[in-house]
Structure formats: C-alpha cells, structure tokens
C-alpha cells in the first residue's frame, strides 16, 4: 500500500482526535477509533499476504 494512503488516514485520525479534545463529543472519538481499527485490519491482512507469498516463493514445503 502506498504511504500517502496511510498518511491521509492518519491525518484524518488526528483531525478527529483534535475535535474530540476541543469539544469532547464522543462521536469524534468513535470516528478516530474506527480509523485506527481499519488501519490495523489492513496492516494485518498485508502481513498475512506477505507471509503467504514468502511460503509460495520458497523451495520448502509449508503447512498452511
């Protein structure tokens, strides 16, 4: 994934957290947490994909 994609999501996260800190509205906090959860899921899928590719490209037999 492109770094700019992650940077945009992190910028949005920071914006929501700033709004939460300024106004104390829980909706801003929930939105910020949803962004972090989405980023964590993407990173996890990317790691799983990377490990699978390493096993496919390896000359050894692997259990999946």
Protein backbone atom coordinates (compact mmCIF):
# COMPACT_ATOMS: atom_id res chain seq x y z
CA UNK A 1 0.00 0.00 0.00
CA UNK A 2 1.09 3.48 -0.66
CA UNK A 3 2.44 5.55 2.19
CA UNK A 4 0.33 8.54 1.15
CA UNK A 5 -2.80 6.44 1.72
CA UNK A 6 -1.79 5.73 5.31
CA UNK A 7 -0.75 9.34 5.83
CA UNK A 8 -4.18 10.57 4.72
CA UNK A 9 -5.91 8.20 7.16
CA UNK A 10 -3.59 9.24 9.98
CA UNK A 11 -4.24 12.90 9.20
CA UNK A 12 -7.98 12.21 9.42
CA UNK A 13 -7.44 10.37 12.71
CA UNK A 14 -5.52 13.35 14.10
CA UNK A 15 -8.27 15.72 12.97
CA UNK A 16 -10.95 13.69 14.76
CA UNK A 17 -8.86 13.46 17.92
CA UNK A 18 -8.30 17.23 17.89
CA UNK A 19 -12.04 17.80 17.51
CA UNK A 20 -12.68 15.37 20.37
CA UNK A 21 -10.18 17.19 22.58
CA UNK A 22 -11.70 20.59 21.72
CA UNK A 23 -15.39 19.71 22.01
CA UNK A 24 -15.48 16.44 23.97
CA UNK A 25 -18.02 14.90 21.59
CA UNK A 26 -17.80 11.08 21.76
CA UNK A 27 -18.73 10.79 18.06
CA UNK A 28 -15.36 12.28 17.12
CA UNK A 29 -13.62 9.75 19.37
CA UNK A 30 -15.59 6.87 17.83
CA UNK A 31 -14.67 8.01 14.31
CA UNK A 32 -10.99 8.20 15.28
CA UNK A 33 -11.12 4.68 16.71
CA UNK A 34 -12.79 3.33 13.57
CA UNK A 35 -9.94 4.73 11.50
CA UNK A 36 -7.33 3.04 13.71
CA UNK A 37 -9.25 -0.26 13.63
CA UNK A 38 -9.42 -0.10 9.83
CA UNK A 39 -5.70 0.63 9.55
CA UNK A 40 -4.88 -2.25 11.91
CA UNK A 41 -7.01 -4.62 9.83
CA UNK A 42 -5.27 -3.53 6.62
CA UNK A 43 -1.84 -3.97 8.15
CA UNK A 44 -2.79 -7.41 9.46
CA UNK A 45 -4.06 -8.51 6.03
CA UNK A 46 -0.92 -7.18 4.39
CA UNK A 47 1.28 -9.14 6.82
CA UNK A 48 -0.70 -12.34 6.19
CA UNK A 49 -0.40 -11.80 2.45
CA UNK A 50 3.35 -11.18 2.74
CA UNK A 51 3.86 -14.38 4.76
CA UNK A 52 1.82 -16.39 2.26
CA UNK A 53 3.88 -15.05 -0.64
CA UNK A 54 7.12 -15.96 1.15
CA UNK A 55 5.85 -19.52 1.57
CA UNK A 56 4.75 -19.77 -2.06
CA UNK A 57 8.10 -18.50 -3.34
CA UNK A 58 10.08 -20.76 -1.01
CA UNK A 59 11.52 -24.07 -2.18
CA UNK A 60 10.42 -25.74 1.07
CA UNK A 61 7.12 -27.46 1.83
CA UNK A 62 4.98 -25.49 4.31
CA UNK A 63 1.80 -26.16 6.20
CA UNK A 64 -0.83 -23.50 5.72
